């Protein structure tokens, strides 16, 4: 079988060149993969595509909460989202205020908490920023209530 392959490659030099180039490419790819596994990741180039990503600037939490402690605020966040999805003409302000009160109460009791919701880590401050964004489109008159709970440097 090897003799036949060698004769074929001798009769067809372009195929032989292609096979040799493919072997070199495979060896180079394997070497580069081995090198990349053993070397630390390179720093992003200044001004590159990563330059558009803002660093995470929210303060780290100082309190950790269990999922049962966070669940009322989690449900309230979803209820607020459902209430705000309604058109302004069909929106019941009471359905906006009820979950907002739960979130305000949670944020007042745990202003520096860290927690996990739906396998995502979060903080009270991040929750308040999300709620504020929701209220901007839903009921801007309620923004001062949330702004009172967000440190001024984190308000937009």
N, C-alpha and C. Protein backbone atom coordinates (compact mmCIF):
# COMPACT_ATOMS: atom_id res chain seq x y z
N UNK A 1 0.82 -1.18 0.00
CA UNK A 1 0.00 0.00 0.00
C UNK A 1 0.87 1.26 0.00
N UNK A 2 1.93 1.26 0.80
CA UNK A 2 2.82 2.43 0.84
C UNK A 2 3.50 2.64 -0.51
N UNK A 3 3.88 1.56 -1.15
CA UNK A 3 4.53 1.67 -2.46
C UNK A 3 3.57 2.27 -3.47
N UNK A 4 2.31 1.90 -3.44
CA UNK A 4 1.33 2.44 -4.36
C UNK A 4 1.14 3.95 -4.12
N UNK A 5 1.08 4.33 -2.85
CA UNK A 5 0.91 5.74 -2.54
C UNK A 5 2.12 6.54 -3.02
N UNK A 6 3.32 5.98 -2.82
CA UNK A 6 4.53 6.67 -3.25
C UNK A 6 4.55 6.81 -4.77
N UNK A 7 4.18 5.77 -5.50
CA UNK A 7 4.14 5.84 -6.97
C UNK A 7 3.12 6.87 -7.44
N UNK A 8 1.95 6.90 -6.78
CA UNK A 8 0.92 7.85 -7.13
C UNK A 8 1.43 9.28 -6.96
N UNK A 9 2.10 9.53 -5.82
CA UNK A 9 2.61 10.87 -5.55
C UNK A 9 3.72 11.26 -6.52
N UNK A 10 4.52 10.27 -6.97
CA UNK A 10 5.58 10.57 -7.95
C UNK A 10 4.97 10.91 -9.31
N UNK A 11 3.89 10.24 -9.68
CA UNK A 11 3.24 10.49 -10.97
C UNK A 11 2.44 11.80 -10.97
N UNK A 12 2.00 12.25 -9.78
CA UNK A 12 1.19 13.45 -9.67
C UNK A 12 1.86 14.43 -8.70
N UNK A 13 2.83 15.20 -9.20
CA UNK A 13 3.62 16.07 -8.32
C UNK A 13 2.79 17.16 -7.61
N UNK A 14 1.74 17.66 -8.23
CA UNK A 14 0.93 18.68 -7.57
C UNK A 14 0.21 18.11 -6.34
N UNK A 15 -0.23 16.87 -6.43
CA UNK A 15 -0.86 16.23 -5.28
C UNK A 15 0.18 16.04 -4.19
N UNK A 16 1.39 15.67 -4.56
CA UNK A 16 2.46 15.50 -3.58
C UNK A 16 2.74 16.82 -2.85
N UNK A 17 2.79 17.92 -3.61
CA UNK A 17 3.04 19.22 -2.99
C UNK A 17 1.89 19.57 -2.03
N UNK A 18 0.66 19.30 -2.43
CA UNK A 18 -0.51 19.59 -1.59
C UNK A 18 -0.46 18.77 -0.31
N UNK A 19 -0.10 17.51 -0.40
CA UNK A 19 -0.01 16.65 0.79
C UNK A 19 1.08 17.15 1.73
N UNK A 20 2.22 17.52 1.21
CA UNK A 20 3.32 18.02 2.04
C UNK A 20 2.91 19.32 2.73
N UNK A 21 2.27 20.22 1.98
CA UNK A 21 1.82 21.48 2.58
C UNK A 21 0.77 21.23 3.67
N UNK A 22 -0.12 20.28 3.45
CA UNK A 22 -1.13 19.96 4.45
C UNK A 22 -0.47 19.40 5.71
N UNK A 23 0.55 18.60 5.56
CA UNK A 23 1.26 18.05 6.72
C UNK A 23 1.97 19.16 7.50
N UNK A 24 2.60 20.09 6.79
CA UNK A 24 3.25 21.22 7.46
C UNK A 24 2.22 22.09 8.19
N UNK A 25 1.09 22.33 7.55
CA UNK A 25 0.05 23.16 8.17
C UNK A 25 -0.49 22.48 9.44
N UNK A 26 -0.71 21.18 9.38
CA UNK A 26 -1.21 20.45 10.55
C UNK A 26 -0.19 20.50 11.69
N UNK A 27 1.09 20.35 11.35
CA UNK A 27 2.13 20.39 12.38
C UNK A 27 2.21 21.79 12.99
N UNK A 28 2.13 22.83 12.16
CA UNK A 28 2.19 24.20 12.67
C UNK A 28 0.98 24.52 13.55
N UNK A 29 -0.20 24.06 13.13
CA UNK A 29 -1.41 24.28 13.93
C UNK A 29 -1.30 23.58 15.28
N UNK A 30 -0.82 22.34 15.29
CA UNK A 30 -0.64 21.61 16.55
C UNK A 30 0.35 22.30 17.46
N UNK A 31 1.43 22.82 16.89
CA UNK A 31 2.43 23.52 17.70
C UNK A 31 1.85 24.82 18.27
N UNK A 32 1.07 25.53 17.47
CA UNK A 32 0.50 26.79 17.97
C UNK A 32 -0.53 26.53 19.06
N UNK A 33 -1.29 25.43 18.94
CA UNK A 33 -2.26 25.10 19.98
C UNK A 33 -1.55 24.73 21.28
N UNK A 34 -0.47 23.98 21.18
CA UNK A 34 0.29 23.61 22.37
C UNK A 34 0.90 24.84 23.02
N UNK A 35 1.38 25.78 22.21
CA UNK A 35 1.96 27.01 22.75
C UNK A 35 0.90 27.86 23.43
N UNK A 36 -0.29 27.97 22.82
CA UNK A 36 -1.32 28.83 23.39
C UNK A 36 -1.87 28.27 24.69
N UNK A 37 -1.85 26.96 24.88
CA UNK A 37 -2.31 26.38 26.14
C UNK A 37 -1.34 26.66 27.28
N UNK A 38 -0.06 26.79 26.96
CA UNK A 38 0.96 26.96 27.99
C UNK A 38 1.33 28.41 28.25
N UNK A 39 0.84 29.34 27.44
CA UNK A 39 1.23 30.73 27.64
C UNK A 39 0.07 31.51 28.24
N UNK A 40 0.38 32.54 29.02
CA UNK A 40 -0.69 33.36 29.59
C UNK A 40 -1.39 34.15 28.48
N UNK A 41 -2.64 34.52 28.69
CA UNK A 41 -3.33 35.29 27.65
C UNK A 41 -2.67 36.65 27.47
N UNK A 42 -2.63 37.09 26.25
CA UNK A 42 -2.02 38.37 25.93
C UNK A 42 -2.93 39.51 26.36
N UNK A 43 -2.33 40.60 26.73
CA UNK A 43 -3.11 41.79 27.09
C UNK A 43 -3.74 42.34 25.81
N UNK A 44 -4.97 42.86 25.91
CA UNK A 44 -5.60 43.41 24.71
C UNK A 44 -4.82 44.62 24.22
N UNK A 45 -4.76 44.79 22.93
CA UNK A 45 -4.04 45.94 22.40
C UNK A 45 -4.76 47.23 22.73
N UNK A 46 -4.00 48.30 23.03
CA UNK A 46 -4.66 49.57 23.33
C UNK A 46 -5.43 50.05 22.10
N UNK A 47 -6.67 50.45 22.34
CA UNK A 47 -7.49 50.94 21.25
C UNK A 47 -8.11 49.84 20.41
N UNK A 48 -7.91 48.58 20.78
CA UNK A 48 -8.49 47.47 20.04
C UNK A 48 -9.97 47.33 20.33
N UNK A 49 -10.56 46.21 19.90
CA UNK A 49 -12.00 46.02 20.10
C UNK A 49 -12.36 45.92 21.58
N UNK A 50 -11.44 45.45 22.42
CA UNK A 50 -11.72 45.35 23.85
C UNK A 50 -11.72 46.72 24.52
N UNK A 51 -11.22 47.74 23.83
CA UNK A 51 -11.19 49.08 24.41
C UNK A 51 -12.61 49.64 24.56
N UNK A 52 -13.57 49.06 23.86
CA UNK A 52 -14.94 49.54 23.93
C UNK A 52 -15.71 48.95 25.11
N UNK A 53 -15.11 48.00 25.81
CA UNK A 53 -15.77 47.36 26.95
C UNK A 53 -15.37 48.11 28.22
N UNK A 54 -16.38 48.59 28.93
CA UNK A 54 -16.12 49.34 30.16
C UNK A 54 -15.75 48.39 31.28
N UNK A 55 -14.84 48.79 32.14
CA UNK A 55 -14.51 47.94 33.29
C UNK A 55 -15.67 47.94 34.28
N UNK A 56 -15.78 46.87 35.05
CA UNK A 56 -16.83 46.76 36.05
C UNK A 56 -16.46 47.68 37.20
N UNK A 57 -17.29 48.69 37.44
CA UNK A 57 -16.92 49.71 38.41
C UNK A 57 -17.80 49.74 39.64
N UNK A 58 -18.77 48.83 39.75
CA UNK A 58 -19.62 48.82 40.94
C UNK A 58 -18.83 48.25 42.11
N UNK A 59 -19.09 48.73 43.30
CA UNK A 59 -18.33 48.24 44.47
C UNK A 59 -18.69 46.78 44.77
N UNK A 60 -17.75 46.04 45.32
CA UNK A 60 -18.04 44.64 45.66
C UNK A 60 -19.01 44.58 46.85
N UNK A 61 -19.81 43.53 46.91
CA UNK A 61 -20.75 43.40 48.03
C UNK A 61 -20.02 43.11 49.34
N UNK A 62 -20.65 43.52 50.44
CA UNK A 62 -20.08 43.24 51.76
C UNK A 62 -20.95 42.27 52.55
N UNK A 63 -22.07 41.88 51.97
CA UNK A 63 -23.00 40.96 52.61
C UNK A 63 -23.43 39.94 51.55
N UNK A 64 -23.53 38.69 51.96
CA UNK A 64 -23.96 37.64 51.03
C UNK A 64 -25.31 37.10 51.48
N UNK A 65 -26.24 37.02 50.52
CA UNK A 65 -27.60 36.57 50.84
C UNK A 65 -27.89 35.23 50.16
N UNK A 66 -28.74 34.46 50.80
CA UNK A 66 -29.16 33.19 50.21
C UNK A 66 -30.27 33.46 49.20
N UNK A 67 -30.56 32.45 48.39
CA UNK A 67 -31.59 32.62 47.37
C UNK A 67 -32.97 32.83 47.99
N UNK A 68 -33.22 32.26 49.17
CA UNK A 68 -34.52 32.46 49.81
C UNK A 68 -34.68 33.90 50.28
N UNK A 69 -33.58 34.55 50.67
CA UNK A 69 -33.65 35.94 51.11
C UNK A 69 -33.87 36.88 49.92
N UNK A 70 -33.41 36.47 48.76
CA UNK A 70 -33.48 37.31 47.56
C UNK A 70 -34.77 37.07 46.78
N UNK A 71 -35.40 35.92 46.98
CA UNK A 71 -36.54 35.53 46.15
C UNK A 71 -37.66 36.57 46.11
N UNK A 72 -38.07 37.21 47.23
CA UNK A 72 -39.12 38.23 47.12
C UNK A 72 -38.73 39.38 46.17
N UNK A 73 -37.49 39.84 46.23
CA UNK A 73 -37.04 40.90 45.33
C UNK A 73 -36.99 40.40 43.89
N UNK A 74 -36.61 39.15 43.70
CA UNK A 74 -36.56 38.54 42.38
C UNK A 74 -37.97 38.50 41.77
N UNK A 75 -38.93 38.03 42.56
CA UNK A 75 -40.32 37.99 42.07
C UNK A 75 -40.83 39.40 41.79
N UNK A 76 -40.48 40.34 42.65
CA UNK A 76 -40.91 41.73 42.46
C UNK A 76 -40.32 42.32 41.17
N UNK A 77 -39.08 41.99 40.87
CA UNK A 77 -38.45 42.48 39.65
C UNK A 77 -39.23 41.99 38.43
N UNK A 78 -39.60 40.71 38.43
CA UNK A 78 -40.38 40.17 37.31
C UNK A 78 -41.77 40.80 37.25
N UNK A 79 -42.39 41.02 38.41
CA UNK A 79 -43.71 41.65 38.45
C UNK A 79 -43.64 43.08 37.92
N UNK A 80 -42.58 43.80 38.26
CA UNK A 80 -42.39 45.15 37.76
C UNK A 80 -42.25 45.14 36.24
N UNK A 81 -41.47 44.19 35.74
CA UNK A 81 -41.31 44.06 34.29
C UNK A 81 -42.63 43.79 33.58
N UNK A 82 -43.45 42.89 34.16
CA UNK A 82 -44.76 42.60 33.57
C UNK A 82 -45.66 43.83 33.60
N UNK A 83 -45.65 44.54 34.72
CA UNK A 83 -46.50 45.73 34.84
C UNK A 83 -46.07 46.81 33.84
N UNK A 84 -44.78 46.95 33.64
CA UNK A 84 -44.27 47.99 32.75
C UNK A 84 -44.42 47.63 31.27
N UNK A 85 -44.65 46.36 30.96
CA UNK A 85 -44.84 45.96 29.56
C UNK A 85 -46.19 46.44 29.01
N UNK A 86 -47.12 46.67 29.89
CA UNK A 86 -48.45 47.14 29.45
C UNK A 86 -48.31 48.53 28.85
N UNK A 87 -49.19 48.84 27.93
CA UNK A 87 -49.19 50.18 27.35
C UNK A 87 -49.56 51.19 28.44
N UNK A 88 -49.11 52.42 28.32
CA UNK A 88 -49.41 53.40 29.36
C UNK A 88 -50.92 53.54 29.64
N UNK A 89 -51.73 53.39 28.62
CA UNK A 89 -53.18 53.52 28.82
C UNK A 89 -53.74 52.36 29.64
N UNK A 90 -53.12 51.19 29.54
CA UNK A 90 -53.62 50.01 30.26
C UNK A 90 -52.83 49.71 31.52
N UNK A 91 -51.80 50.52 31.81
CA UNK A 91 -50.93 50.27 32.96
C UNK A 91 -51.62 50.70 34.25
N UNK A 92 -51.63 49.80 35.22
CA UNK A 92 -52.18 50.10 36.54
C UNK A 92 -51.01 50.52 37.42
N UNK A 93 -51.03 51.75 37.92
CA UNK A 93 -49.91 52.25 38.72
C UNK A 93 -49.72 51.42 39.98
N UNK A 94 -50.79 50.88 40.52
CA UNK A 94 -50.68 50.02 41.71
C UNK A 94 -49.86 48.78 41.44
N UNK A 95 -49.94 48.25 40.20
CA UNK A 95 -49.14 47.07 39.83
C UNK A 95 -47.68 47.42 39.64
N UNK A 96 -47.38 48.68 39.46
CA UNK A 96 -45.99 49.14 39.39
C UNK A 96 -45.48 49.43 40.79
N UNK A 97 -46.31 50.06 41.60
CA UNK A 97 -45.89 50.46 42.95
C UNK A 97 -45.68 49.27 43.88
N UNK A 98 -46.51 48.25 43.77
CA UNK A 98 -46.39 47.11 44.69
C UNK A 98 -45.03 46.43 44.60
N UNK A 99 -44.57 46.02 43.41
CA UNK A 99 -43.22 45.42 43.36
C UNK A 99 -42.12 46.42 43.68
N UNK A 100 -42.36 47.69 43.33
CA UNK A 100 -41.36 48.71 43.63
C UNK A 100 -41.14 48.83 45.14
N UNK A 101 -42.22 48.75 45.90
CA UNK A 101 -42.09 48.81 47.37
C UNK A 101 -41.28 47.63 47.90
N UNK A 102 -41.50 46.44 47.33
CA UNK A 102 -40.75 45.25 47.77
C UNK A 102 -39.26 45.45 47.49
N UNK A 103 -38.94 45.97 46.31
CA UNK A 103 -37.54 46.19 45.94
C UNK A 103 -36.92 47.28 46.80
N UNK A 104 -37.65 48.34 47.07
CA UNK A 104 -37.16 49.41 47.95
C UNK A 104 -36.89 48.88 49.36
N UNK A 105 -37.78 48.06 49.86
CA UNK A 105 -37.62 47.47 51.19
C UNK A 105 -36.38 46.57 51.23
N UNK A 106 -36.23 45.75 50.20
CA UNK A 106 -35.06 44.86 50.10
C UNK A 106 -33.77 45.69 50.07
N UNK A 107 -33.75 46.73 49.23
CA UNK A 107 -32.54 47.56 49.09
C UNK A 107 -32.23 48.33 50.37
N UNK A 108 -33.26 48.72 51.11
CA UNK A 108 -33.03 49.42 52.37
C UNK A 108 -32.44 48.49 53.43
N UNK A 109 -32.90 47.24 53.46
CA UNK A 109 -32.39 46.27 54.44
C UNK A 109 -31.01 45.74 54.07
N UNK A 110 -30.74 45.62 52.78
CA UNK A 110 -29.49 45.00 52.30
C UNK A 110 -28.81 45.88 51.25
N UNK A 111 -28.34 47.06 51.60
CA UNK A 111 -27.80 47.97 50.60
C UNK A 111 -26.49 47.51 49.94
N UNK A 112 -25.75 46.66 50.60
CA UNK A 112 -24.45 46.23 50.06
C UNK A 112 -24.39 44.73 49.86
N UNK A 113 -25.52 44.11 49.50
CA UNK A 113 -25.59 42.65 49.41
C UNK A 113 -25.16 42.14 48.04
N UNK A 114 -24.65 40.92 48.07
CA UNK A 114 -24.36 40.17 46.87
C UNK A 114 -25.20 38.91 46.90
N UNK A 115 -25.63 38.44 45.73
CA UNK A 115 -26.52 37.28 45.69
C UNK A 115 -26.50 36.68 44.30
N UNK A 116 -27.19 35.56 44.16
CA UNK A 116 -27.33 34.89 42.88
C UNK A 116 -28.81 34.76 42.56
N UNK A 117 -29.18 35.19 41.36
CA UNK A 117 -30.54 35.05 40.85
C UNK A 117 -30.44 34.37 39.49
N UNK A 118 -31.16 33.26 39.35
CA UNK A 118 -31.16 32.52 38.06
C UNK A 118 -29.73 32.27 37.57
N UNK A 119 -28.88 31.79 38.44
CA UNK A 119 -27.49 31.47 38.12
C UNK A 119 -26.66 32.68 37.67
N UNK A 120 -27.13 33.88 37.95
CA UNK A 120 -26.39 35.10 37.66
C UNK A 120 -26.08 35.79 38.97
N UNK A 121 -24.83 36.22 39.12
CA UNK A 121 -24.49 36.94 40.35
C UNK A 121 -24.88 38.40 40.19
N UNK A 122 -25.26 39.00 41.30
CA UNK A 122 -25.66 40.40 41.27
C UNK A 122 -25.47 41.04 42.62
N UNK A 123 -25.73 42.32 42.67
CA UNK A 123 -25.65 43.08 43.91
C UNK A 123 -26.90 43.94 44.02
N UNK A 124 -27.14 44.46 45.20
CA UNK A 124 -28.29 45.34 45.39
C UNK A 124 -28.18 46.57 44.50
N UNK A 125 -26.99 47.13 44.39
CA UNK A 125 -26.81 48.30 43.56
C UNK A 125 -27.11 47.99 42.09
N UNK A 126 -26.65 46.85 41.60
CA UNK A 126 -26.95 46.46 40.22
C UNK A 126 -28.46 46.28 40.03
N UNK A 127 -29.13 45.68 41.01
CA UNK A 127 -30.58 45.51 40.95
C UNK A 127 -31.26 46.88 40.85
N UNK A 128 -30.83 47.83 41.67
CA UNK A 128 -31.43 49.16 41.64
C UNK A 128 -31.20 49.86 40.30
N UNK A 129 -30.05 49.66 39.71
CA UNK A 129 -29.76 50.27 38.41
C UNK A 129 -30.67 49.69 37.34
N UNK A 130 -30.92 48.38 37.41
CA UNK A 130 -31.84 47.74 36.46
C UNK A 130 -33.25 48.27 36.67
N UNK A 131 -33.68 48.38 37.91
CA UNK A 131 -35.02 48.90 38.22
C UNK A 131 -35.15 50.34 37.73
N UNK A 132 -34.10 51.13 37.94
CA UNK A 132 -34.14 52.53 37.49
C UNK A 132 -34.30 52.59 35.98
N UNK A 133 -33.58 51.76 35.27
CA UNK A 133 -33.69 51.72 33.81
C UNK A 133 -35.11 51.34 33.38
N UNK A 134 -35.69 50.38 34.07
CA UNK A 134 -37.06 49.95 33.78
C UNK A 134 -38.04 51.11 34.01
N UNK A 135 -37.85 51.83 35.10
CA UNK A 135 -38.76 52.93 35.44
C UNK A 135 -38.63 54.12 34.49
N UNK A 136 -37.45 54.32 33.92
CA UNK A 136 -37.28 55.43 32.97
C UNK A 136 -38.27 55.33 31.82
N UNK A 137 -38.50 54.11 31.36
CA UNK A 137 -39.43 53.90 30.25
C UNK A 137 -40.85 53.70 30.73
N UNK A 138 -41.02 53.26 31.95
CA UNK A 138 -42.32 52.86 32.47
C UNK A 138 -43.04 54.00 33.19
N UNK A 139 -42.40 54.58 34.19
CA UNK A 139 -43.03 55.62 35.00
C UNK A 139 -41.94 56.52 35.58
N UNK A 140 -41.45 57.47 34.79
CA UNK A 140 -40.35 58.33 35.23
C UNK A 140 -40.65 59.12 36.51
N UNK A 141 -41.91 59.30 36.84
CA UNK A 141 -42.25 60.03 38.06
C UNK A 141 -41.79 59.28 39.30
N UNK A 142 -41.54 57.97 39.18
CA UNK A 142 -41.11 57.16 40.32
C UNK A 142 -39.59 57.11 40.47
N UNK A 143 -38.86 57.70 39.54
CA UNK A 143 -37.39 57.66 39.59
C UNK A 143 -36.80 58.22 40.88
N UNK A 144 -37.33 59.30 41.45
CA UNK A 144 -36.72 59.81 42.69
C UNK A 144 -36.72 58.79 43.82
N UNK A 145 -37.69 57.90 43.83
CA UNK A 145 -37.74 56.87 44.89
C UNK A 145 -36.54 55.93 44.78
N UNK A 146 -36.19 55.56 43.57
CA UNK A 146 -35.04 54.67 43.36
C UNK A 146 -33.74 55.46 43.47
N UNK A 147 -33.73 56.67 42.95
CA UNK A 147 -32.52 57.50 43.03
C UNK A 147 -32.09 57.73 44.47
N UNK A 148 -33.05 57.79 45.37
CA UNK A 148 -32.72 57.99 46.79
C UNK A 148 -31.93 56.81 47.36
N UNK A 149 -32.03 55.65 46.72
CA UNK A 149 -31.34 54.45 47.20
C UNK A 149 -30.01 54.20 46.47
N UNK A 150 -29.78 54.90 45.37
CA UNK A 150 -28.56 54.72 44.57
C UNK A 150 -27.59 55.85 44.89
N UNK A 151 -26.34 55.53 45.25
CA UNK A 151 -25.35 56.60 45.45
C UNK A 151 -25.24 57.47 44.20
N UNK A 152 -25.07 58.76 44.37
CA UNK A 152 -25.11 59.71 43.26
C UNK A 152 -24.11 59.38 42.14
N UNK A 153 -22.97 58.84 42.46
CA UNK A 153 -21.98 58.59 41.41
C UNK A 153 -22.39 57.44 40.48
N UNK A 154 -23.42 56.67 40.85
CA UNK A 154 -23.89 55.57 40.02
C UNK A 154 -25.19 55.90 39.29
N UNK A 155 -25.70 57.09 39.47
CA UNK A 155 -26.92 57.50 38.75
C UNK A 155 -26.52 58.06 37.40
N UNK A 156 -27.40 57.84 36.43
CA UNK A 156 -27.09 58.36 35.08
C UNK A 156 -27.61 59.76 34.89
